[in-house]
N, C-alpha and C. Protein backbone atom coordinates (compact mmCIF):
# COMPACT_ATOMS: atom_id res chain seq x y z
N MET A 1 -30.15 26.83 -58.57
CA MET A 1 -29.01 26.55 -57.72
C MET A 1 -29.46 26.22 -56.29
N LYS A 2 -30.49 26.94 -55.83
CA LYS A 2 -31.01 26.69 -54.48
C LYS A 2 -31.48 25.25 -54.34
N HIS A 3 -32.15 24.74 -55.38
CA HIS A 3 -32.67 23.37 -55.34
C HIS A 3 -31.54 22.35 -55.25
N ILE A 4 -30.46 22.62 -55.95
CA ILE A 4 -29.33 21.70 -55.91
C ILE A 4 -28.73 21.67 -54.51
N VAL A 5 -28.57 22.83 -53.90
CA VAL A 5 -28.02 22.91 -52.54
C VAL A 5 -28.94 22.18 -51.56
N LEU A 6 -30.26 22.40 -51.68
CA LEU A 6 -31.20 21.72 -50.80
C LEU A 6 -31.16 20.22 -51.01
N SER A 7 -31.09 19.78 -52.25
CA SER A 7 -31.02 18.35 -52.54
C SER A 7 -29.74 17.75 -51.97
N LEU A 8 -28.63 18.43 -52.14
CA LEU A 8 -27.37 17.93 -51.59
C LEU A 8 -27.41 17.90 -50.07
N SER A 9 -28.04 18.90 -49.46
CA SER A 9 -28.18 18.92 -48.00
C SER A 9 -29.00 17.73 -47.55
N PHE A 10 -30.08 17.41 -48.26
CA PHE A 10 -30.92 16.28 -47.89
C PHE A 10 -30.14 14.98 -48.03
N LEU A 11 -29.36 14.85 -49.12
CA LEU A 11 -28.55 13.64 -49.31
C LEU A 11 -27.51 13.51 -48.20
N PHE A 12 -26.91 14.62 -47.80
CA PHE A 12 -25.96 14.58 -46.69
C PHE A 12 -26.66 14.13 -45.42
N PHE A 13 -27.87 14.66 -45.19
CA PHE A 13 -28.66 14.26 -44.01
C PHE A 13 -28.91 12.77 -44.04
N MET A 14 -29.30 12.22 -45.20
CA MET A 14 -29.60 10.80 -45.30
C MET A 14 -28.36 9.96 -45.03
N ASP A 15 -27.20 10.37 -45.56
CA ASP A 15 -25.97 9.64 -45.32
C ASP A 15 -25.61 9.67 -43.84
N THR A 16 -25.86 10.82 -43.19
CA THR A 16 -25.59 10.94 -41.77
C THR A 16 -26.49 10.00 -40.99
N LEU A 17 -27.79 9.95 -41.34
CA LEU A 17 -28.73 9.05 -40.67
C LEU A 17 -28.22 7.62 -40.77
N LYS A 18 -27.89 7.21 -41.97
CA LYS A 18 -27.44 5.84 -42.18
C LYS A 18 -26.18 5.54 -41.39
N ALA A 19 -25.21 6.43 -41.46
CA ALA A 19 -23.93 6.20 -40.81
C ALA A 19 -24.08 6.11 -39.30
N GLN A 20 -25.00 6.87 -38.73
CA GLN A 20 -25.13 6.90 -37.28
C GLN A 20 -25.91 5.74 -36.71
N VAL A 21 -26.74 5.08 -37.49
CA VAL A 21 -27.57 4.00 -36.93
C VAL A 21 -27.22 2.61 -37.46
N ILE A 22 -26.63 2.51 -38.63
CA ILE A 22 -26.28 1.21 -39.18
C ILE A 22 -25.31 0.50 -38.24
N GLY A 23 -25.62 -0.75 -37.94
CA GLY A 23 -24.76 -1.54 -37.07
C GLY A 23 -25.16 -1.48 -35.60
N LYS A 24 -26.04 -0.57 -35.24
CA LYS A 24 -26.52 -0.49 -33.85
C LYS A 24 -27.69 -1.43 -33.65
N MET A 25 -27.86 -1.86 -32.42
CA MET A 25 -29.06 -2.63 -32.08
C MET A 25 -30.24 -1.67 -32.03
N PHE A 26 -31.38 -2.13 -32.51
CA PHE A 26 -32.59 -1.31 -32.42
C PHE A 26 -32.95 -1.21 -30.94
N PRO A 27 -33.25 0.00 -30.45
CA PRO A 27 -33.55 0.14 -29.02
C PRO A 27 -34.86 -0.54 -28.64
N ALA A 28 -34.91 -1.07 -27.43
CA ALA A 28 -36.11 -1.75 -26.95
C ALA A 28 -37.31 -0.81 -26.99
N MET A 29 -38.42 -1.33 -27.52
CA MET A 29 -39.66 -0.56 -27.64
C MET A 29 -40.83 -1.51 -27.42
N THR A 30 -41.76 -1.12 -26.58
CA THR A 30 -42.98 -1.90 -26.41
C THR A 30 -44.12 -1.16 -27.10
N ALA A 31 -44.73 -1.83 -28.04
CA ALA A 31 -45.85 -1.26 -28.78
C ALA A 31 -47.02 -2.23 -28.69
N GLU A 32 -48.19 -1.81 -29.18
CA GLU A 32 -49.38 -2.65 -29.08
C GLU A 32 -50.11 -2.72 -30.41
N THR A 33 -50.76 -3.86 -30.62
CA THR A 33 -51.65 -4.02 -31.77
C THR A 33 -52.96 -3.30 -31.48
N VAL A 34 -53.87 -3.27 -32.46
CA VAL A 34 -55.19 -2.67 -32.21
C VAL A 34 -55.96 -3.43 -31.16
N GLU A 35 -55.62 -4.70 -30.96
CA GLU A 35 -56.28 -5.52 -29.93
C GLU A 35 -55.56 -5.45 -28.59
N ASP A 36 -54.64 -4.50 -28.42
CA ASP A 36 -53.90 -4.28 -27.18
C ASP A 36 -52.92 -5.40 -26.82
N VAL A 37 -52.50 -6.19 -27.80
CA VAL A 37 -51.47 -7.21 -27.57
C VAL A 37 -50.11 -6.51 -27.64
N LYS A 38 -49.30 -6.69 -26.61
CA LYS A 38 -47.99 -6.06 -26.56
C LYS A 38 -46.98 -6.80 -27.45
N VAL A 39 -46.18 -6.01 -28.16
CA VAL A 39 -45.09 -6.53 -28.99
C VAL A 39 -43.83 -5.80 -28.54
N ASN A 40 -42.84 -6.56 -28.13
CA ASN A 40 -41.57 -5.98 -27.68
C ASN A 40 -40.57 -6.04 -28.82
N LEU A 41 -40.22 -4.86 -29.31
CA LEU A 41 -39.24 -4.77 -30.39
C LEU A 41 -37.88 -4.50 -29.78
N PRO A 42 -36.82 -5.08 -30.24
CA PRO A 42 -36.74 -6.08 -31.29
C PRO A 42 -36.87 -7.52 -30.78
N GLU A 43 -37.02 -7.69 -29.48
CA GLU A 43 -37.01 -9.04 -28.88
C GLU A 43 -37.99 -10.00 -29.54
N ASP A 44 -39.23 -9.57 -29.74
CA ASP A 44 -40.26 -10.46 -30.27
C ASP A 44 -40.14 -10.73 -31.77
N VAL A 45 -39.23 -10.06 -32.46
CA VAL A 45 -39.09 -10.26 -33.91
C VAL A 45 -37.76 -10.91 -34.27
N LYS A 46 -37.00 -11.28 -33.27
CA LYS A 46 -35.70 -11.91 -33.56
C LYS A 46 -35.91 -13.24 -34.28
N GLY A 47 -34.96 -13.56 -35.12
CA GLY A 47 -35.02 -14.82 -35.85
C GLY A 47 -35.23 -14.63 -37.34
N LYS A 48 -35.71 -13.46 -37.74
CA LYS A 48 -35.82 -13.16 -39.17
C LYS A 48 -35.73 -11.66 -39.37
N TYR A 49 -35.51 -11.27 -40.60
CA TYR A 49 -35.40 -9.85 -40.91
C TYR A 49 -36.71 -9.15 -40.58
N THR A 50 -36.59 -7.88 -40.19
CA THR A 50 -37.76 -7.09 -39.81
C THR A 50 -37.66 -5.72 -40.45
N LEU A 51 -38.75 -5.26 -41.04
CA LEU A 51 -38.85 -3.92 -41.60
C LEU A 51 -39.78 -3.12 -40.70
N LEU A 52 -39.26 -2.02 -40.15
CA LEU A 52 -40.04 -1.15 -39.27
C LEU A 52 -40.15 0.24 -39.88
N GLY A 53 -41.37 0.75 -39.91
CA GLY A 53 -41.61 2.13 -40.32
C GLY A 53 -42.16 2.88 -39.13
N LEU A 54 -41.49 3.96 -38.72
CA LEU A 54 -41.90 4.73 -37.55
C LEU A 54 -42.25 6.16 -37.94
N ALA A 55 -43.30 6.70 -37.32
CA ALA A 55 -43.72 8.08 -37.57
C ALA A 55 -44.20 8.69 -36.27
N TYR A 56 -43.84 9.97 -36.03
CA TYR A 56 -44.28 10.58 -34.78
C TYR A 56 -44.94 11.95 -34.96
N SER A 57 -45.54 12.17 -36.14
CA SER A 57 -46.37 13.36 -36.35
C SER A 57 -47.41 13.01 -37.41
N LYS A 58 -48.45 13.82 -37.51
CA LYS A 58 -49.51 13.56 -38.49
C LYS A 58 -48.95 13.56 -39.90
N LYS A 59 -48.10 14.55 -40.23
CA LYS A 59 -47.54 14.62 -41.58
C LYS A 59 -46.66 13.40 -41.87
N SER A 60 -45.84 13.00 -40.90
CA SER A 60 -44.99 11.83 -41.14
C SER A 60 -45.82 10.56 -41.24
N GLU A 61 -46.94 10.51 -40.51
CA GLU A 61 -47.82 9.35 -40.60
C GLU A 61 -48.45 9.27 -41.99
N ASP A 62 -48.79 10.42 -42.58
CA ASP A 62 -49.33 10.43 -43.94
C ASP A 62 -48.32 9.87 -44.93
N GLU A 63 -47.05 10.25 -44.76
CA GLU A 63 -46.00 9.71 -45.64
C GLU A 63 -45.75 8.24 -45.36
N LEU A 64 -45.87 7.84 -44.10
CA LEU A 64 -45.72 6.42 -43.74
C LEU A 64 -46.76 5.60 -44.51
N ASN A 65 -47.96 6.14 -44.65
CA ASN A 65 -49.04 5.43 -45.35
C ASN A 65 -48.71 5.16 -46.82
N THR A 66 -47.81 5.95 -47.43
CA THR A 66 -47.44 5.72 -48.83
C THR A 66 -46.70 4.40 -48.99
N TRP A 67 -46.19 3.86 -47.89
CA TRP A 67 -45.44 2.60 -47.92
C TRP A 67 -46.34 1.38 -47.74
N PHE A 68 -47.54 1.54 -47.19
CA PHE A 68 -48.39 0.39 -46.85
C PHE A 68 -48.58 -0.58 -48.01
N GLU A 69 -49.15 -0.11 -49.08
CA GLU A 69 -49.50 -1.00 -50.20
C GLU A 69 -48.25 -1.63 -50.82
N PRO A 70 -47.22 -0.85 -51.15
CA PRO A 70 -46.04 -1.49 -51.76
C PRO A 70 -45.35 -2.50 -50.83
N ILE A 71 -45.23 -2.18 -49.56
CA ILE A 71 -44.61 -3.11 -48.61
C ILE A 71 -45.47 -4.36 -48.46
N PHE A 72 -46.77 -4.16 -48.31
CA PHE A 72 -47.68 -5.29 -48.15
C PHE A 72 -47.59 -6.20 -49.38
N SER A 73 -47.65 -5.61 -50.57
CA SER A 73 -47.59 -6.39 -51.81
C SER A 73 -46.26 -7.14 -51.96
N LYS A 74 -45.18 -6.50 -51.60
CA LYS A 74 -43.85 -7.08 -51.81
C LYS A 74 -43.47 -8.11 -50.74
N PHE A 75 -43.76 -7.81 -49.47
CA PHE A 75 -43.21 -8.63 -48.39
C PHE A 75 -44.22 -9.44 -47.59
N VAL A 76 -45.50 -9.11 -47.68
CA VAL A 76 -46.47 -9.76 -46.81
C VAL A 76 -47.43 -10.66 -47.57
N GLN A 77 -48.05 -10.11 -48.60
CA GLN A 77 -49.09 -10.82 -49.33
C GLN A 77 -48.55 -12.12 -49.91
N LYS A 78 -49.22 -13.20 -49.63
CA LYS A 78 -48.81 -14.51 -50.15
C LYS A 78 -49.28 -14.64 -51.59
N THR A 79 -48.37 -15.10 -52.44
CA THR A 79 -48.70 -15.25 -53.84
C THR A 79 -49.24 -16.66 -54.10
N SER A 80 -49.94 -16.78 -55.20
CA SER A 80 -50.45 -18.09 -55.58
C SER A 80 -50.12 -18.34 -57.04
N GLY A 81 -50.40 -19.52 -57.50
CA GLY A 81 -50.12 -19.85 -58.90
C GLY A 81 -48.64 -20.04 -59.14
N LEU A 82 -48.17 -19.55 -60.28
CA LEU A 82 -46.77 -19.72 -60.67
C LEU A 82 -45.80 -19.09 -59.68
N MET A 83 -46.22 -18.03 -58.99
CA MET A 83 -45.33 -17.31 -58.09
C MET A 83 -45.40 -17.81 -56.65
N SER A 84 -46.20 -18.83 -56.37
CA SER A 84 -46.31 -19.30 -54.99
C SER A 84 -44.96 -19.79 -54.48
N GLY A 85 -44.73 -19.55 -53.22
CA GLY A 85 -43.45 -19.93 -52.62
C GLY A 85 -42.35 -18.93 -52.87
N MET A 86 -42.63 -17.85 -53.58
CA MET A 86 -41.62 -16.86 -53.91
C MET A 86 -41.61 -15.70 -52.92
N GLY A 87 -42.42 -15.77 -51.89
CA GLY A 87 -42.54 -14.66 -50.95
C GLY A 87 -41.35 -14.55 -50.02
N TYR A 88 -41.39 -13.51 -49.20
CA TYR A 88 -40.34 -13.25 -48.22
C TYR A 88 -40.83 -13.70 -46.85
N ASP A 89 -39.90 -14.07 -46.01
CA ASP A 89 -40.22 -14.42 -44.63
C ASP A 89 -39.64 -13.32 -43.74
N VAL A 90 -40.35 -12.19 -43.67
CA VAL A 90 -39.90 -11.04 -42.89
C VAL A 90 -41.03 -10.55 -42.00
N ASN A 91 -40.65 -9.93 -40.90
CA ASN A 91 -41.61 -9.22 -40.06
C ASN A 91 -41.75 -7.81 -40.63
N VAL A 92 -42.96 -7.31 -40.66
CA VAL A 92 -43.21 -5.95 -41.13
C VAL A 92 -44.13 -5.26 -40.15
N TYR A 93 -43.72 -4.09 -39.68
CA TYR A 93 -44.57 -3.31 -38.78
C TYR A 93 -44.46 -1.82 -39.10
N PHE A 94 -45.61 -1.18 -39.12
CA PHE A 94 -45.70 0.27 -39.22
C PHE A 94 -46.08 0.75 -37.83
N VAL A 95 -45.33 1.71 -37.30
CA VAL A 95 -45.49 2.11 -35.90
C VAL A 95 -45.73 3.62 -35.79
N PRO A 96 -47.00 4.02 -35.67
CA PRO A 96 -47.24 5.43 -35.31
C PRO A 96 -46.89 5.60 -33.83
N MET A 97 -46.14 6.65 -33.54
CA MET A 97 -45.66 6.89 -32.18
C MET A 97 -46.44 8.05 -31.56
N PHE A 98 -47.07 7.80 -30.43
CA PHE A 98 -47.84 8.82 -29.73
C PHE A 98 -47.06 9.20 -28.48
N THR A 99 -46.60 10.44 -28.46
CA THR A 99 -45.75 10.89 -27.37
C THR A 99 -46.27 12.20 -26.79
N GLY A 100 -45.82 12.49 -25.59
CA GLY A 100 -46.21 13.74 -24.95
C GLY A 100 -47.72 13.85 -24.82
N ILE A 101 -48.24 15.02 -25.13
CA ILE A 101 -49.67 15.27 -25.02
C ILE A 101 -50.49 14.40 -25.97
N ASN A 102 -49.88 13.98 -27.09
CA ASN A 102 -50.57 13.15 -28.08
C ASN A 102 -50.76 11.71 -27.62
N ALA A 103 -50.07 11.30 -26.56
CA ALA A 103 -50.19 9.92 -26.08
C ALA A 103 -51.63 9.58 -25.71
N ALA A 104 -52.39 10.58 -25.28
CA ALA A 104 -53.79 10.36 -24.91
C ALA A 104 -54.64 9.95 -26.11
N ALA A 105 -54.16 10.21 -27.32
CA ALA A 105 -54.92 9.91 -28.54
C ALA A 105 -54.71 8.48 -29.03
N THR A 106 -53.90 7.69 -28.36
CA THR A 106 -53.60 6.33 -28.82
C THR A 106 -54.87 5.49 -28.96
N GLY A 107 -55.73 5.50 -27.96
CA GLY A 107 -56.96 4.72 -28.01
C GLY A 107 -57.85 5.13 -29.16
N THR A 108 -57.97 6.42 -29.38
CA THR A 108 -58.77 6.94 -30.50
C THR A 108 -58.17 6.48 -31.83
N ALA A 109 -56.85 6.52 -31.93
CA ALA A 109 -56.19 6.09 -33.17
C ALA A 109 -56.42 4.61 -33.43
N LYS A 110 -56.41 3.80 -32.38
CA LYS A 110 -56.66 2.36 -32.55
C LYS A 110 -58.09 2.13 -33.04
N ARG A 111 -59.05 2.81 -32.43
CA ARG A 111 -60.45 2.65 -32.86
C ARG A 111 -60.64 3.11 -34.30
N LYS A 112 -59.97 4.19 -34.66
CA LYS A 112 -60.05 4.71 -36.03
C LYS A 112 -59.45 3.70 -37.01
N ALA A 113 -58.33 3.09 -36.62
CA ALA A 113 -57.68 2.09 -37.48
C ALA A 113 -58.60 0.89 -37.67
N LEU A 114 -59.23 0.43 -36.59
CA LEU A 114 -60.16 -0.71 -36.70
C LEU A 114 -61.28 -0.41 -37.68
N LYS A 115 -61.72 0.82 -37.70
CA LYS A 115 -62.84 1.22 -38.55
C LYS A 115 -62.43 1.50 -40.00
N ASN A 116 -61.22 2.08 -40.20
CA ASN A 116 -60.85 2.59 -41.52
C ASN A 116 -59.75 1.84 -42.27
N VAL A 117 -59.01 0.98 -41.58
CA VAL A 117 -57.88 0.30 -42.22
C VAL A 117 -58.32 -1.09 -42.69
N ASP A 118 -57.82 -1.48 -43.85
CA ASP A 118 -58.08 -2.82 -44.38
C ASP A 118 -57.71 -3.85 -43.31
N PRO A 119 -58.62 -4.75 -42.95
CA PRO A 119 -58.35 -5.75 -41.91
C PRO A 119 -57.09 -6.58 -42.17
N GLN A 120 -56.71 -6.75 -43.44
CA GLN A 120 -55.48 -7.49 -43.75
C GLN A 120 -54.23 -6.76 -43.26
N LEU A 121 -54.31 -5.42 -43.17
CA LEU A 121 -53.16 -4.62 -42.75
C LEU A 121 -53.04 -4.47 -41.24
N LEU A 122 -54.13 -4.61 -40.53
CA LEU A 122 -54.14 -4.35 -39.08
C LEU A 122 -53.06 -5.10 -38.29
N PRO A 123 -52.78 -6.38 -38.59
CA PRO A 123 -51.74 -7.07 -37.81
C PRO A 123 -50.34 -6.46 -37.97
N TYR A 124 -50.17 -5.61 -38.96
CA TYR A 124 -48.87 -5.02 -39.25
C TYR A 124 -48.73 -3.59 -38.74
N ILE A 125 -49.72 -3.14 -37.99
CA ILE A 125 -49.68 -1.80 -37.40
C ILE A 125 -49.56 -1.94 -35.90
N LEU A 126 -48.53 -1.31 -35.36
CA LEU A 126 -48.32 -1.28 -33.91
C LEU A 126 -48.40 0.17 -33.45
N PHE A 127 -48.91 0.35 -32.25
CA PHE A 127 -49.04 1.69 -31.69
C PHE A 127 -48.10 1.82 -30.50
N TYR A 128 -47.24 2.84 -30.57
CA TYR A 128 -46.33 3.11 -29.47
C TYR A 128 -46.83 4.33 -28.71
N LYS A 129 -46.87 4.21 -27.39
CA LYS A 129 -47.25 5.33 -26.53
C LYS A 129 -46.18 5.46 -25.47
N GLY A 130 -45.56 6.63 -25.40
CA GLY A 130 -44.52 6.85 -24.41
C GLY A 130 -43.61 8.00 -24.76
N GLU A 131 -42.42 7.96 -24.22
CA GLU A 131 -41.48 9.06 -24.46
C GLU A 131 -40.79 8.89 -25.81
N LEU A 132 -40.28 9.98 -26.33
CA LEU A 132 -39.66 9.97 -27.65
C LEU A 132 -38.15 10.23 -27.59
N LYS A 133 -37.70 10.93 -26.59
CA LYS A 133 -36.32 11.41 -26.54
C LYS A 133 -35.29 10.31 -26.78
N SER A 134 -35.41 9.19 -26.10
CA SER A 134 -34.38 8.14 -26.26
C SER A 134 -34.37 7.57 -27.68
N TYR A 135 -35.53 7.52 -28.32
CA TYR A 135 -35.58 7.02 -29.70
C TYR A 135 -35.01 8.04 -30.67
N LYS A 136 -35.30 9.32 -30.42
CA LYS A 136 -34.74 10.38 -31.26
C LYS A 136 -33.22 10.32 -31.22
N GLU A 137 -32.67 10.09 -30.03
CA GLU A 137 -31.22 10.03 -29.89
C GLU A 137 -30.64 8.76 -30.50
N ALA A 138 -31.23 7.62 -30.19
CA ALA A 138 -30.69 6.34 -30.67
C ALA A 138 -30.86 6.14 -32.17
N LEU A 139 -31.97 6.65 -32.72
CA LEU A 139 -32.28 6.39 -34.13
C LEU A 139 -32.07 7.62 -35.02
N ASP A 140 -31.57 8.69 -34.44
CA ASP A 140 -31.24 9.90 -35.18
C ASP A 140 -32.47 10.48 -35.90
N PHE A 141 -33.58 10.57 -35.17
CA PHE A 141 -34.78 11.22 -35.70
C PHE A 141 -34.55 12.73 -35.65
N GLU A 142 -34.28 13.33 -36.75
CA GLU A 142 -34.05 14.78 -36.76
C GLU A 142 -35.29 15.56 -37.16
N ARG A 143 -36.06 15.03 -38.09
CA ARG A 143 -37.20 15.77 -38.64
C ARG A 143 -38.49 15.05 -38.29
N ARG A 144 -39.39 15.74 -37.64
CA ARG A 144 -40.64 15.12 -37.21
C ARG A 144 -41.65 14.95 -38.34
N ASP A 145 -41.42 15.60 -39.47
CA ASP A 145 -42.41 15.56 -40.55
C ASP A 145 -42.18 14.45 -41.57
N ILE A 146 -41.25 13.54 -41.31
CA ILE A 146 -41.02 12.42 -42.22
C ILE A 146 -40.98 11.11 -41.42
N PRO A 147 -41.37 10.00 -42.05
CA PRO A 147 -41.26 8.71 -41.38
C PRO A 147 -39.84 8.16 -41.54
N TYR A 148 -39.48 7.26 -40.65
CA TYR A 148 -38.17 6.62 -40.68
C TYR A 148 -38.36 5.12 -40.80
N PHE A 149 -37.51 4.49 -41.61
CA PHE A 149 -37.59 3.05 -41.86
C PHE A 149 -36.28 2.38 -41.52
N PHE A 150 -36.41 1.23 -40.89
CA PHE A 150 -35.23 0.48 -40.47
C PHE A 150 -35.42 -0.98 -40.84
N VAL A 151 -34.36 -1.57 -41.39
CA VAL A 151 -34.35 -3.01 -41.61
C VAL A 151 -33.44 -3.58 -40.53
N LEU A 152 -34.00 -4.52 -39.75
CA LEU A 152 -33.24 -5.19 -38.70
C LEU A 152 -32.85 -6.57 -39.17
N ASP A 153 -31.65 -6.99 -38.82
CA ASP A 153 -31.25 -8.36 -39.14
C ASP A 153 -31.93 -9.31 -38.15
N PRO A 154 -31.75 -10.62 -38.29
CA PRO A 154 -32.43 -11.56 -37.39
C PRO A 154 -32.05 -11.44 -35.91
N PHE A 155 -31.03 -10.64 -35.60
CA PHE A 155 -30.61 -10.45 -34.22
C PHE A 155 -31.08 -9.11 -33.64
N GLY A 156 -31.72 -8.27 -34.47
CA GLY A 156 -32.22 -6.98 -34.00
C GLY A 156 -31.29 -5.82 -34.29
N LYS A 157 -30.24 -6.07 -35.06
CA LYS A 157 -29.29 -5.01 -35.42
C LYS A 157 -29.79 -4.29 -36.68
N ILE A 158 -29.64 -2.97 -36.70
CA ILE A 158 -30.06 -2.16 -37.86
C ILE A 158 -29.05 -2.36 -38.99
N VAL A 159 -29.54 -2.85 -40.13
CA VAL A 159 -28.66 -3.08 -41.28
C VAL A 159 -28.95 -2.12 -42.42
N TYR A 160 -30.06 -1.40 -42.33
CA TYR A 160 -30.38 -0.40 -43.35
C TYR A 160 -31.34 0.61 -42.74
N ALA A 161 -31.21 1.87 -43.14
CA ALA A 161 -32.11 2.93 -42.68
C ALA A 161 -32.38 3.90 -43.82
N THR A 162 -33.62 4.37 -43.87
CA THR A 162 -34.00 5.40 -44.83
C THR A 162 -35.15 6.19 -44.23
N SER A 163 -35.58 7.22 -44.93
CA SER A 163 -36.68 8.03 -44.41
C SER A 163 -37.45 8.66 -45.56
N GLY A 164 -38.63 9.19 -45.23
CA GLY A 164 -39.44 9.90 -46.21
C GLY A 164 -40.49 9.03 -46.88
N SER A 165 -41.10 9.59 -47.90
CA SER A 165 -42.14 8.90 -48.66
C SER A 165 -41.57 7.72 -49.41
N PHE A 166 -42.46 6.82 -49.81
CA PHE A 166 -42.09 5.66 -50.60
C PHE A 166 -41.48 6.07 -51.94
N SER A 167 -40.49 5.32 -52.38
CA SER A 167 -39.97 5.44 -53.74
C SER A 167 -39.49 4.05 -54.16
N GLU A 168 -39.46 3.82 -55.45
CA GLU A 168 -38.97 2.53 -55.96
C GLU A 168 -37.51 2.31 -55.59
N ASP A 169 -36.70 3.37 -55.63
CA ASP A 169 -35.29 3.24 -55.27
C ASP A 169 -35.13 2.77 -53.82
N LYS A 170 -35.91 3.35 -52.92
CA LYS A 170 -35.84 2.95 -51.51
C LYS A 170 -36.30 1.50 -51.35
N MET A 171 -37.37 1.14 -52.05
CA MET A 171 -37.87 -0.23 -51.98
C MET A 171 -36.83 -1.21 -52.50
N ASP A 172 -36.15 -0.86 -53.57
CA ASP A 172 -35.11 -1.72 -54.13
C ASP A 172 -34.00 -1.95 -53.12
N LYS A 173 -33.60 -0.90 -52.41
CA LYS A 173 -32.54 -1.03 -51.41
C LYS A 173 -33.00 -1.89 -50.23
N VAL A 174 -34.24 -1.71 -49.79
CA VAL A 174 -34.78 -2.52 -48.71
C VAL A 174 -34.76 -3.99 -49.13
N GLU A 175 -35.26 -4.25 -50.33
CA GLU A 175 -35.32 -5.63 -50.84
C GLU A 175 -33.92 -6.23 -50.96
N GLU A 176 -32.98 -5.45 -51.44
CA GLU A 176 -31.60 -5.91 -51.60
C GLU A 176 -31.01 -6.33 -50.25
N VAL A 177 -31.25 -5.55 -49.22
CA VAL A 177 -30.72 -5.86 -47.89
C VAL A 177 -31.37 -7.13 -47.33
N ILE A 178 -32.67 -7.28 -47.55
CA ILE A 178 -33.39 -8.44 -47.01
C ILE A 178 -32.99 -9.72 -47.73
N GLU A 179 -32.71 -9.62 -49.03
CA GLU A 179 -32.31 -10.81 -49.79
C GLU A 179 -30.94 -11.24 -49.37
């Protein structure tokens, strides 16, 4: 019975997250690539759908990583042969957020990414360094131990939100919104 109550509580939390952010503009955020190139979200991604994954703790970053391969395979990797031309034209970014005392670790994280992350994935990782409070309020970040995902329409408005580890159901919903 405890598990059912916890599961229902989590589902209520997810519905609350969606209801509070769907239809809002994604708040302005300046992040950087591993090469220190600034990307202004959502301004620099306007014109096509954008999938953003944000994490602001080590545990949530680990869960964010569960999305890398499936997202890359589905939305980024160009197909060849019979499936060529069947890809999506979307922006995809994974954004580890370094805030407070952890902001000093941004440079170390970038160097670590250059050394340990597949070079094909590096252009899709942005590093945010700064305050967290305004994003927690605007995007309804309640739990620091899970990543948050947002699909933005071509104008920068949030049209879908989810959180947690990768699942096929979540991927199906993301794909449905983008199509």
